[in-house]
Protein backbone atom coordinates (compact mmCIF):
# COMPACT_ATOMS: atom_id res chain seq x y z
CA MET A 1 -0.12 0.09 -0.02
CA HIS A 2 1.36 3.30 -0.99
CA ALA A 3 -1.44 5.89 -1.33
CA GLU A 4 -1.15 9.29 -1.77
CA ALA A 5 -3.50 10.65 0.31
CA PRO A 6 -5.87 13.76 -0.36
CA PRO A 7 -4.66 17.33 0.63
CA LEU A 8 -5.99 18.24 4.22
CA ALA A 9 -6.43 21.57 5.72
CA VAL A 10 -5.07 22.08 9.23
CA HIS A 11 -5.77 25.33 10.55
CA GLY A 12 -7.05 27.13 7.39
CA ALA A 13 -3.72 25.95 5.67
CA PRO A 14 -3.44 23.32 3.18
CA VAL A 15 -1.20 20.42 4.10
CA ILE A 16 0.91 18.80 1.81
CA ALA A 17 -0.03 15.16 1.53
CA LEU A 18 2.48 12.60 2.30
CA PRO A 19 2.59 8.95 0.97
CA VAL A 20 1.16 6.40 3.65
CA GLU A 21 2.58 3.09 3.42
CA ARG A 22 2.92 -0.22 4.89
CA ALA A 23 5.38 -0.79 7.51
CA SER A 24 8.17 -3.24 6.97
CA LEU A 25 10.54 -5.52 8.99
CA ARG A 26 13.26 -2.59 8.72
CA ASP A 27 11.07 -0.10 10.13
CA VAL A 28 10.30 -2.19 13.20
CA PRO A 29 12.85 -0.50 15.73
CA GLU A 30 11.64 3.30 14.67
CA ILE A 31 7.76 2.19 15.11
CA SER A 32 8.40 0.68 18.56
CA ALA A 33 10.53 3.70 19.70
CA LEU A 34 8.11 6.31 18.39
CA ASN A 35 5.29 4.68 20.07
CA ASN A 36 7.03 4.21 23.09
CA LEU A 37 7.78 8.13 23.20
CA PHE A 38 3.79 8.22 24.43
CA ALA A 39 3.69 5.57 26.65
CA PRO A 40 4.97 7.08 29.80
CA ASP A 41 2.03 9.71 29.68
CA GLY A 42 -0.69 6.77 28.96
CA LEU A 43 -1.13 8.31 25.23
CA THR A 44 -0.18 4.62 23.91
CA LEU A 45 0.49 1.30 25.10
CA PRO A 46 4.14 0.11 25.14
CA ARG A 47 5.09 -1.98 21.97
CA SER A 48 8.27 -3.71 22.33
CA GLU A 49 10.00 -4.61 18.96
CA ALA A 50 9.10 -8.17 19.01
CA PHE A 51 5.38 -7.19 19.22
CA VAL A 52 5.33 -4.70 16.41
CA ALA A 53 7.82 -7.26 14.29
CA ASN A 54 4.92 -9.73 14.91
CA HIS A 55 1.98 -7.40 13.65
CA VAL A 56 4.16 -5.30 11.00
CA ASP A 57 1.54 -6.43 8.43
CA SER A 58 -1.10 -4.45 10.37
CA TYR A 59 1.22 -0.91 10.74
CA CYS A 60 0.85 1.85 8.37
CA ILE A 61 3.47 4.40 8.25
CA ILE A 62 4.35 8.07 7.05
CA ARG A 63 8.13 8.81 6.13
CA ALA A 64 10.12 12.04 6.13
CA ALA A 65 12.09 12.92 2.81
CA ASP A 66 15.01 11.15 4.52
CA GLY A 67 13.08 7.74 5.01
CA SER A 68 12.92 8.08 8.41
CA VAL A 69 9.38 7.42 10.19
CA LEU A 70 7.45 10.42 10.95
CA GLY A 71 4.14 8.67 12.21
CA CYS A 72 2.53 5.24 12.83
CA VAL A 73 -0.98 3.65 13.19
CA ALA A 74 -1.49 -0.18 13.65
CA LEU A 75 -5.06 -2.33 13.29
CA ASP A 76 -5.40 -4.97 16.44
CA GLU A 77 -7.60 -7.49 15.17
CA TYR A 78 -9.76 -9.21 17.64
CA SER A 79 -11.84 -11.52 15.76
CA PRO A 80 -13.52 -11.29 11.99
CA SER A 81 -15.81 -8.50 12.97
CA LEU A 82 -13.86 -6.59 15.50
CA VAL A 83 -10.77 -4.55 14.94
CA GLU A 84 -9.28 -1.45 17.07
CA LEU A 85 -7.30 1.64 15.96
CA VAL A 86 -3.92 1.21 17.72
CA SER A 87 -0.47 2.77 18.25
CA LEU A 88 -1.40 6.15 16.78
CA ALA A 89 1.85 8.26 16.91
CA VAL A 90 3.40 11.20 15.30
CA LEU A 91 6.78 12.69 16.16
CA PRO A 92 6.45 15.93 18.13
CA LYS A 93 8.22 17.88 15.39
CA ALA A 94 5.73 16.67 12.85
CA GLN A 95 2.57 17.17 14.69
CA HIS A 96 -0.32 19.63 13.81
CA ARG A 97 0.61 19.11 9.98
CA GLY A 98 -2.46 16.41 9.44
CA LEU A 99 -0.36 13.52 9.81
CA GLY A 100 -2.53 11.95 12.43
CA LYS A 101 -5.42 12.16 9.83
CA LEU A 102 -3.87 10.56 7.34
CA LEU A 103 -3.04 7.57 9.44
CA ILE A 104 -6.23 7.22 10.78
CA GLU A 105 -7.65 7.28 6.99
CA ALA A 106 -5.12 4.61 6.09
CA ALA A 107 -6.15 2.57 9.21
CA ALA A 108 -9.64 2.78 8.36
CA ALA A 109 -8.95 2.21 4.53
CA LEU A 110 -6.86 -1.10 5.41
CA ALA A 111 -9.61 -2.31 8.01
CA ARG A 112 -12.20 -1.61 5.28
CA LYS A 113 -10.25 -3.69 2.97
CA ARG A 114 -9.89 -6.68 5.50
CA GLY A 115 -13.75 -6.54 5.56
CA PHE A 116 -14.33 -5.28 9.07
CA PRO A 117 -17.57 -3.29 9.54
CA GLU A 118 -16.39 -0.77 12.12
CA LEU A 119 -13.28 0.44 13.60
CA PHE A 120 -12.81 1.51 17.30
CA SER A 121 -10.15 3.05 19.07
CA VAL A 122 -9.52 4.16 22.91
CA SER A 123 -7.97 7.76 22.82
CA LEU A 124 -7.60 11.14 24.39
CA ALA A 125 -7.54 12.88 21.00
CA ASP A 126 -11.41 13.06 21.12
CA GLN A 127 -11.55 16.40 18.80
CA LEU A 128 -9.45 14.45 16.37
CA PHE A 129 -11.37 11.28 16.20
CA LEU A 130 -14.72 13.16 16.10
CA HIS A 131 -13.48 15.43 13.21
CA MET A 132 -12.70 12.18 11.73
CA GLY A 133 -16.03 10.79 11.55
CA PHE A 134 -15.94 8.79 14.70
CA VAL A 135 -18.68 8.98 17.43
CA GLN A 136 -18.02 8.53 21.14
CA SER A 137 -19.18 5.14 22.27
CA SER A 138 -19.01 2.95 25.36
CA LEU A 139 -16.58 0.34 26.48
CA ASP A 140 -19.44 -1.66 27.26
CA ARG A 141 -19.75 -2.38 23.25
CA TYR A 142 -16.83 -4.13 23.24
CA PRO A 143 -16.32 -6.94 26.19
CA GLU A 144 -13.29 -8.13 23.87
CA LYS A 145 -11.67 -5.30 24.84
CA ILE A 146 -12.46 -5.29 28.61
CA ALA A 147 -11.00 -8.90 28.57
CA ARG A 148 -7.68 -7.83 26.91
CA TYR A 149 -7.68 -4.68 29.41
CA ALA A 150 -7.85 -7.22 32.16
CA ALA A 151 -5.40 -9.14 31.06
CA ILE A 152 -2.69 -6.11 30.67
CA SER A 153 -3.77 -4.18 33.93
CA ARG A 154 -6.44 -3.55 35.81
CA SER A 155 -5.71 0.19 35.72
CA GLU A 156 -6.09 0.10 32.36
CA LEU A 157 -9.98 -0.64 32.72
CA SER A 158 -10.98 2.48 33.92
CA ILE A 159 -9.47 4.37 31.06
CA SER A 160 -10.23 7.43 32.87
CA ARG A 161 -9.60 10.79 30.71
CA LYS A 162 -9.52 8.27 27.67
CA PHE A 163 -12.62 8.14 25.31
CA LEU A 164 -13.83 5.57 23.14
CA PHE A 165 -14.57 6.21 19.48
CA SER A 166 -16.11 3.95 16.81
CA ARG A 167 -16.83 4.46 13.17
CA ARG A 168 -19.04 2.18 10.77
CA LEU A 169 -16.66 1.41 7.52
């Protein structure tokens, strides 16, 4: 997948669309490091290089001109009918340029291509997800997610400041 995304406007200024592509094994260290920049603040769950390598076919990335990874996103498939958008991360120096929106759309396109009827995400970025056509939902609708949280950490079950969003594909 190497799709040119449509231009976006951020704060009224057009953003030059960067290509979103599928990740490869050579990207694993950068994806893990980028994702883990935000884990201490609870914005992402920690991802080891082994985890990323095992799920690399579900990651989409945006590269800088020098080939380095500016942003990433992944799909976490629970069942043939349930998929979550996870690991959305953009380097701080590249934020506020529309890259998160490009990555969300790439994840939605991949989920649609794989036949999922709906995509959900747990995030603090409520305005971003609402702007991208998601609606606020309830964790109660996703018992698979509750079970996954319980297996990872009881503290994750509270999702306190986080919101759950879903979007029909």
